[in-house]
Amino acid sequence: AGIPWARLDKVIGVMKAYSSCVGEG
């Protein structure tokens, strides 16, 4: 974002109730 000295207060992870994947691998 351009402010490398800043520190996050919270991380909210997002995930599906099942799995999905676009592309190879």
PDB file of all heavy atoms in Angstrom:
ATOM      1  N   ALA A   1       0.819  -1.211   0.000  1.00  0.00           N
ATOM      2  CA  ALA A   1       0.000   0.000   0.000  1.00  0.00           C
ATOM      3  C   ALA A   1       0.851   1.259   0.000  1.00  0.00           C
ATOM      4  O   ALA A   1       0.358   2.339  -0.344  1.00  0.00           O
ATOM      5  CB  ALA A   1      -0.916   0.007   1.224  1.00  0.00           C
ATOM      6  N   GLY A   2       2.135   1.114   0.396  1.00  0.00           N
ATOM      7  CA  GLY A   2       3.023   2.264   0.384  1.00  0.00           C
ATOM      8  C   GLY A   2       3.358   2.831   1.742  1.00  0.00           C
ATOM      9  O   GLY A   2       3.963   3.898   1.853  1.00  0.00           O
ATOM     10  N   ILE A   3       2.977   2.120   2.807  1.00  0.00           N
ATOM     11  CA  ILE A   3       3.259   2.585   4.172  1.00  0.00           C
ATOM     12  C   ILE A   3       3.879   1.437   4.965  1.00  0.00           C
ATOM     13  O   ILE A   3       3.299   0.945   5.934  1.00  0.00           O
ATOM     14  CB  ILE A   3       1.973   3.096   4.852  1.00  0.00           C
ATOM     15  CG1 ILE A   3       0.795   2.135   4.565  1.00  0.00           C
ATOM     16  CG2 ILE A   3       1.637   4.504   4.394  1.00  0.00           C
ATOM     17  CD1 ILE A   3      -0.460   2.466   5.330  1.00  0.00           C
ATOM     18  N   PRO A   4       5.077   0.998   4.578  1.00  0.00           N
ATOM     19  CA  PRO A   4       5.660  -0.221   5.168  1.00  0.00           C
ATOM     20  C   PRO A   4       5.938  -0.140   6.663  1.00  0.00           C
ATOM     21  O   PRO A   4       6.122  -1.175   7.300  1.00  0.00           O
ATOM     22  CB  PRO A   4       6.957  -0.399   4.368  1.00  0.00           C
ATOM     23  CG  PRO A   4       7.274   0.946   3.824  1.00  0.00           C
ATOM     24  CD  PRO A   4       5.960   1.586   3.555  1.00  0.00           C
ATOM     25  N   TRP A   5       5.976   1.055   7.216  1.00  0.00           N
ATOM     26  CA  TRP A   5       6.229   1.185   8.655  1.00  0.00           C
ATOM     27  C   TRP A   5       4.976   0.934   9.491  1.00  0.00           C
ATOM     28  O   TRP A   5       5.071   0.734  10.700  1.00  0.00           O
ATOM     29  CB  TRP A   5       6.746   2.598   8.955  1.00  0.00           C
ATOM     30  CG  TRP A   5       5.744   3.668   8.601  1.00  0.00           C
ATOM     31  CD1 TRP A   5       4.741   4.154   9.389  1.00  0.00           C
ATOM     32  CD2 TRP A   5       5.640   4.351   7.361  1.00  0.00           C
ATOM     33  NE1 TRP A   5       4.009   5.107   8.720  1.00  0.00           N
ATOM     34  CE2 TRP A   5       4.552   5.259   7.469  1.00  0.00           C
ATOM     35  CE3 TRP A   5       6.354   4.312   6.159  1.00  0.00           C
ATOM     36  CZ2 TRP A   5       4.165   6.103   6.425  1.00  0.00           C
ATOM     37  CZ3 TRP A   5       5.967   5.159   5.133  1.00  0.00           C
ATOM     38  CH2 TRP A   5       4.887   6.036   5.263  1.00  0.00           C
ATOM     39  N   ALA A   6       3.818   0.938   8.865  1.00  0.00           N
ATOM     40  CA  ALA A   6       2.561   0.770   9.587  1.00  0.00           C
ATOM     41  C   ALA A   6       2.351  -0.689   9.967  1.00  0.00           C
ATOM     42  O   ALA A   6       2.871  -1.604   9.313  1.00  0.00           O
ATOM     43  CB  ALA A   6       1.393   1.277   8.756  1.00  0.00           C
ATOM     44  N   ARG A   7       1.575  -0.935  11.013  1.00  0.00           N
ATOM     45  CA  ARG A   7       1.303  -2.285  11.490  1.00  0.00           C
ATOM     46  C   ARG A   7      -0.203  -2.528  11.525  1.00  0.00           C
ATOM     47  O   ARG A   7      -0.973  -1.671  11.960  1.00  0.00           O
ATOM     48  CB  ARG A   7       1.874  -2.486  12.898  1.00  0.00           C
ATOM     49  CG  ARG A   7       3.392  -2.394  12.956  1.00  0.00           C
ATOM     50  CD  ARG A   7       4.049  -3.536  12.193  1.00  0.00           C
ATOM     51  NE  ARG A   7       5.512  -3.440  12.221  1.00  0.00           N
ATOM     52  CZ  ARG A   7       6.237  -2.865  11.266  1.00  0.00           C
ATOM     53  NH1 ARG A   7       5.620  -2.338  10.202  1.00  0.00           N
ATOM     54  NH2 ARG A   7       7.544  -2.823  11.347  1.00  0.00           N
ATOM     55  N   LEU A   8      -0.594  -3.705  11.068  1.00  0.00           N
ATOM     56  CA  LEU A   8      -2.012  -4.056  11.055  1.00  0.00           C
ATOM     57  C   LEU A   8      -2.525  -4.290  12.473  1.00  0.00           C
ATOM     58  O   LEU A   8      -1.815  -4.818  13.327  1.00  0.00           O
ATOM     59  CB  LEU A   8      -2.237  -5.324  10.229  1.00  0.00           C
ATOM     60  CG  LEU A   8      -1.963  -5.239   8.724  1.00  0.00           C
ATOM     61  CD1 LEU A   8      -2.094  -6.624   8.097  1.00  0.00           C
ATOM     62  CD2 LEU A   8      -2.913  -4.257   8.046  1.00  0.00           C
ATOM     63  N   ASP A   9      -3.777  -3.912  12.688  1.00  0.00           N
ATOM     64  CA  ASP A   9      -4.439  -4.192  13.954  1.00  0.00           C
ATOM     65  C   ASP A   9      -5.237  -5.489  13.897  1.00  0.00           C
ATOM     66  O   ASP A   9      -5.441  -6.147  14.915  1.00  0.00           O
ATOM     67  CB  ASP A   9      -5.386  -3.039  14.320  1.00  0.00           C
ATOM     68  CG  ASP A   9      -4.635  -1.737  14.545  1.00  0.00           C
ATOM     69  OD1 ASP A   9      -3.826  -1.698  15.479  1.00  0.00           O
ATOM     70  OD2 ASP A   9      -4.859  -0.779  13.774  1.00  0.00           O
ATOM     71  N   LYS A  10      -5.683  -5.860  12.686  1.00  0.00           N
ATOM     72  CA  LYS A  10      -6.527  -7.059  12.573  1.00  0.00           C
ATOM     73  C   LYS A  10      -6.435  -7.616  11.157  1.00  0.00           C
ATOM     74  O   LYS A  10      -6.345  -6.862  10.183  1.00  0.00           O
ATOM     75  CB  LYS A  10      -7.991  -6.725  12.893  1.00  0.00           C
ATOM     76  CG  LYS A  10      -8.929  -7.934  12.856  1.00  0.00           C
ATOM     77  CD  LYS A  10     -10.390  -7.508  12.966  1.00  0.00           C
ATOM     78  CE  LYS A  10     -10.715  -6.954  14.321  1.00  0.00           C
ATOM     79  NZ  LYS A  10     -12.186  -6.700  14.465  1.00  0.00           N
ATOM     80  N   VAL A  11      -6.481  -8.946  11.059  1.00  0.00           N
ATOM     81  CA  VAL A  11      -6.562  -9.633   9.769  1.00  0.00           C
ATOM     82  C   VAL A  11      -7.817 -10.495   9.760  1.00  0.00           C
ATOM     83  O   VAL A  11      -7.994 -11.353  10.636  1.00  0.00           O
ATOM     84  CB  VAL A  11      -5.322 -10.516   9.504  1.00  0.00           C
ATOM     85  CG1 VAL A  11      -5.490 -11.284   8.187  1.00  0.00           C
ATOM     86  CG2 VAL A  11      -4.052  -9.676   9.490  1.00  0.00           C
ATOM     87  N   ILE A  12      -8.684 -10.245   8.796  1.00  0.00           N
ATOM     88  CA  ILE A  12      -9.903 -11.036   8.621  1.00  0.00           C
ATOM     89  C   ILE A  12      -9.713 -11.932   7.404  1.00  0.00           C
ATOM     90  O   ILE A  12      -9.594 -11.458   6.278  1.00  0.00           O
ATOM     91  CB  ILE A  12     -11.137 -10.140   8.439  1.00  0.00           C
ATOM     92  CG1 ILE A  12     -11.310  -9.220   9.651  1.00  0.00           C
ATOM     93  CG2 ILE A  12     -12.391 -10.990   8.230  1.00  0.00           C
ATOM     94  CD1 ILE A  12     -12.429  -8.208   9.504  1.00  0.00           C
ATOM     95  N   GLY A  13      -9.631 -13.235   7.646  1.00  0.00           N
ATOM     96  CA  GLY A  13      -9.490 -14.185   6.558  1.00  0.00           C
ATOM     97  C   GLY A  13     -10.843 -14.564   5.997  1.00  0.00           C
ATOM     98  O   GLY A  13     -11.832 -14.641   6.719  1.00  0.00           O
ATOM     99  N   VAL A  14     -10.891 -14.799   4.685  1.00  0.00           N
ATOM    100  CA  VAL A  14     -12.139 -15.174   4.021  1.00  0.00           C
ATOM    101  C   VAL A  14     -11.961 -16.536   3.363  1.00  0.00           C
ATOM    102  O   VAL A  14     -10.966 -16.774   2.666  1.00  0.00           O
ATOM    103  CB  VAL A  14     -12.553 -14.134   2.958  1.00  0.00           C
ATOM    104  CG1 VAL A  14     -13.921 -14.480   2.373  1.00  0.00           C
ATOM    105  CG2 VAL A  14     -12.577 -12.721   3.567  1.00  0.00           C
ATOM    106  N   MET A  15     -12.925 -17.433   3.611  1.00  0.00           N
ATOM    107  CA  MET A  15     -12.884 -18.750   2.975  1.00  0.00           C
ATOM    108  C   MET A  15     -14.301 -19.231   2.723  1.00  0.00           C
ATOM    109  O   MET A  15     -15.239 -18.865   3.420  1.00  0.00           O
ATOM    110  CB  MET A  15     -12.129 -19.755   3.849  1.00  0.00           C
ATOM    111  CG  MET A  15     -12.728 -19.967   5.216  1.00  0.00           C
ATOM    112  SD  MET A  15     -11.660 -21.005   6.256  1.00  0.00           S
ATOM    113  CE  MET A  15     -12.748 -21.290   7.647  1.00  0.00           C
ATOM    114  N   LYS A  16     -14.452 -20.037   1.682  1.00  0.00           N
ATOM    115  CA  LYS A  16     -15.756 -20.609   1.354  1.00  0.00           C
ATOM    116  C   LYS A  16     -16.088 -21.768   2.288  1.00  0.00           C
ATOM    117  O   LYS A  16     -15.203 -22.368   2.895  1.00  0.00           O
ATOM    118  CB  LYS A  16     -15.764 -21.129  -0.089  1.00  0.00           C
ATOM    119  CG  LYS A  16     -16.007 -20.089  -1.169  1.00  0.00           C
ATOM    120  CD  LYS A  16     -16.309 -20.818  -2.481  1.00  0.00           C
ATOM    121  CE  LYS A  16     -16.650 -19.841  -3.586  1.00  0.00           C
ATOM    122  NZ  LYS A  16     -15.455 -19.375  -4.299  1.00  0.00           N
ATOM    123  N   ALA A  17     -17.387 -22.086   2.332  1.00  0.00           N
ATOM    124  CA  ALA A  17     -17.840 -23.244   3.095  1.00  0.00           C
ATOM    125  C   ALA A  17     -17.519 -24.545   2.363  1.00  0.00           C
ATOM    126  O   ALA A  17     -17.723 -25.639   2.897  1.00  0.00           O
ATOM    127  CB  ALA A  17     -19.340 -23.147   3.361  1.00  0.00           C
ATOM    128  N   TYR A  18     -17.038 -24.434   1.138  1.00  0.00           N
ATOM    129  CA  TYR A  18     -16.500 -25.558   0.361  1.00  0.00           C
ATOM    130  C   TYR A  18     -15.300 -24.993  -0.379  1.00  0.00           C
ATOM    131  O   TYR A  18     -14.867 -23.865  -0.099  1.00  0.00           O
ATOM    132  CB  TYR A  18     -17.544 -26.141  -0.597  1.00  0.00           C
ATOM    133  CG  TYR A  18     -18.147 -25.133  -1.554  1.00  0.00           C
ATOM    134  CD1 TYR A  18     -17.659 -24.988  -2.844  1.00  0.00           C
ATOM    135  CD2 TYR A  18     -19.203 -24.316  -1.158  1.00  0.00           C
ATOM    136  CE1 TYR A  18     -18.192 -24.054  -3.724  1.00  0.00           C
ATOM    137  CE2 TYR A  18     -19.763 -23.394  -2.030  1.00  0.00           C
ATOM    138  CZ  TYR A  18     -19.256 -23.261  -3.300  1.00  0.00           C
ATOM    139  OH  TYR A  18     -19.793 -22.329  -4.167  1.00  0.00           O
ATOM    140  N   SER A  19     -14.704 -25.720  -1.287  1.00  0.00           N
ATOM    141  CA  SER A  19     -13.512 -25.237  -1.991  1.00  0.00           C
ATOM    142  C   SER A  19     -13.821 -24.920  -3.439  1.00  0.00           C
ATOM    143  O   SER A  19     -14.683 -25.558  -4.066  1.00  0.00           O
ATOM    144  CB  SER A  19     -12.393 -26.290  -1.940  1.00  0.00           C
ATOM    145  OG  SER A  19     -11.986 -26.541  -0.611  1.00  0.00           O
ATOM    146  N   SER A  20     -13.115 -23.947  -3.996  1.00  0.00           N
ATOM    147  CA  SER A  20     -13.181 -23.674  -5.428  1.00  0.00           C
ATOM    148  C   SER A  20     -11.824 -23.175  -5.888  1.00  0.00           C
ATOM    149  O   SER A  20     -11.036 -22.648  -5.111  1.00  0.00           O
ATOM    150  CB  SER A  20     -14.270 -22.644  -5.747  1.00  0.00           C
ATOM    151  OG  SER A  20     -13.914 -21.366  -5.270  1.00  0.00           O
ATOM    152  N   CYS A  21     -11.564 -23.358  -7.174  1.00  0.00           N
ATOM    153  CA  CYS A  21     -10.239 -23.047  -7.716  1.00  0.00           C
ATOM    154  C   CYS A  21     -10.380 -22.750  -9.205  1.00  0.00           C
ATOM    155  O   CYS A  21     -10.948 -23.559  -9.944  1.00  0.00           O
ATOM    156  CB  CYS A  21      -9.310 -24.242  -7.485  1.00  0.00           C
ATOM    157  SG  CYS A  21      -7.705 -24.135  -8.277  1.00  0.00           S
ATOM    158  N   VAL A  22      -9.892 -21.587  -9.638  1.00  0.00           N
ATOM    159  CA  VAL A  22      -9.858 -21.264 -11.056  1.00  0.00           C
ATOM    160  C   VAL A  22      -8.453 -21.516 -11.584  1.00  0.00           C
ATOM    161  O   VAL A  22      -7.477 -21.099 -10.971  1.00  0.00           O
ATOM    162  CB  VAL A  22     -10.243 -19.796 -11.300  1.00  0.00           C
ATOM    163  CG1 VAL A  22     -10.073 -19.437 -12.781  1.00  0.00           C
ATOM    164  CG2 VAL A  22     -11.683 -19.554 -10.898  1.00  0.00           C
ATOM    165  N   GLY A  23      -8.355 -22.206 -12.707  1.00  0.00           N
ATOM    166  CA  GLY A  23      -7.052 -22.391 -13.327  1.00  0.00           C
ATOM    167  C   GLY A  23      -6.416 -23.724 -13.007  1.00  0.00           C
ATOM    168  O   GLY A  23      -7.039 -24.640 -12.463  1.00  0.00           O
ATOM    169  N   GLU A  24      -5.145 -23.812 -13.340  1.00  0.00           N
ATOM    170  CA  GLU A  24      -4.413 -25.071 -13.240  1.00  0.00           C
ATOM    171  C   GLU A  24      -3.810 -25.254 -11.853  1.00  0.00           C
ATOM    172  O   GLU A  24      -3.850 -24.383 -11.006  1.00  0.00           O
ATOM    173  CB  GLU A  24      -3.309 -25.099 -14.297  1.00  0.00           C
ATOM    174  CG  GLU A  24      -3.774 -24.805 -15.716  1.00  0.00           C
ATOM    175  CD  GLU A  24      -4.783 -25.814 -16.224  1.00  0.00           C
ATOM    176  OE1 GLU A  24      -4.668 -27.007 -15.866  1.00  0.00           O
ATOM    177  OE2 GLU A  24      -5.692 -25.416 -16.979  1.00  0.00           O
ATOM    178  N   GLY A  25      -3.215 -26.438 -11.670  1.00  0.00           N
ATOM    179  CA  GLY A  25      -2.497 -26.701 -10.438  1.00  0.00           C
ATOM    180  C   GLY A  25      -3.185 -27.722  -9.562  1.00  0.00           C
ATOM    181  O   GLY A  25      -4.333 -28.109  -9.788  1.00  0.00           O
TER     182      GLY A  25
END
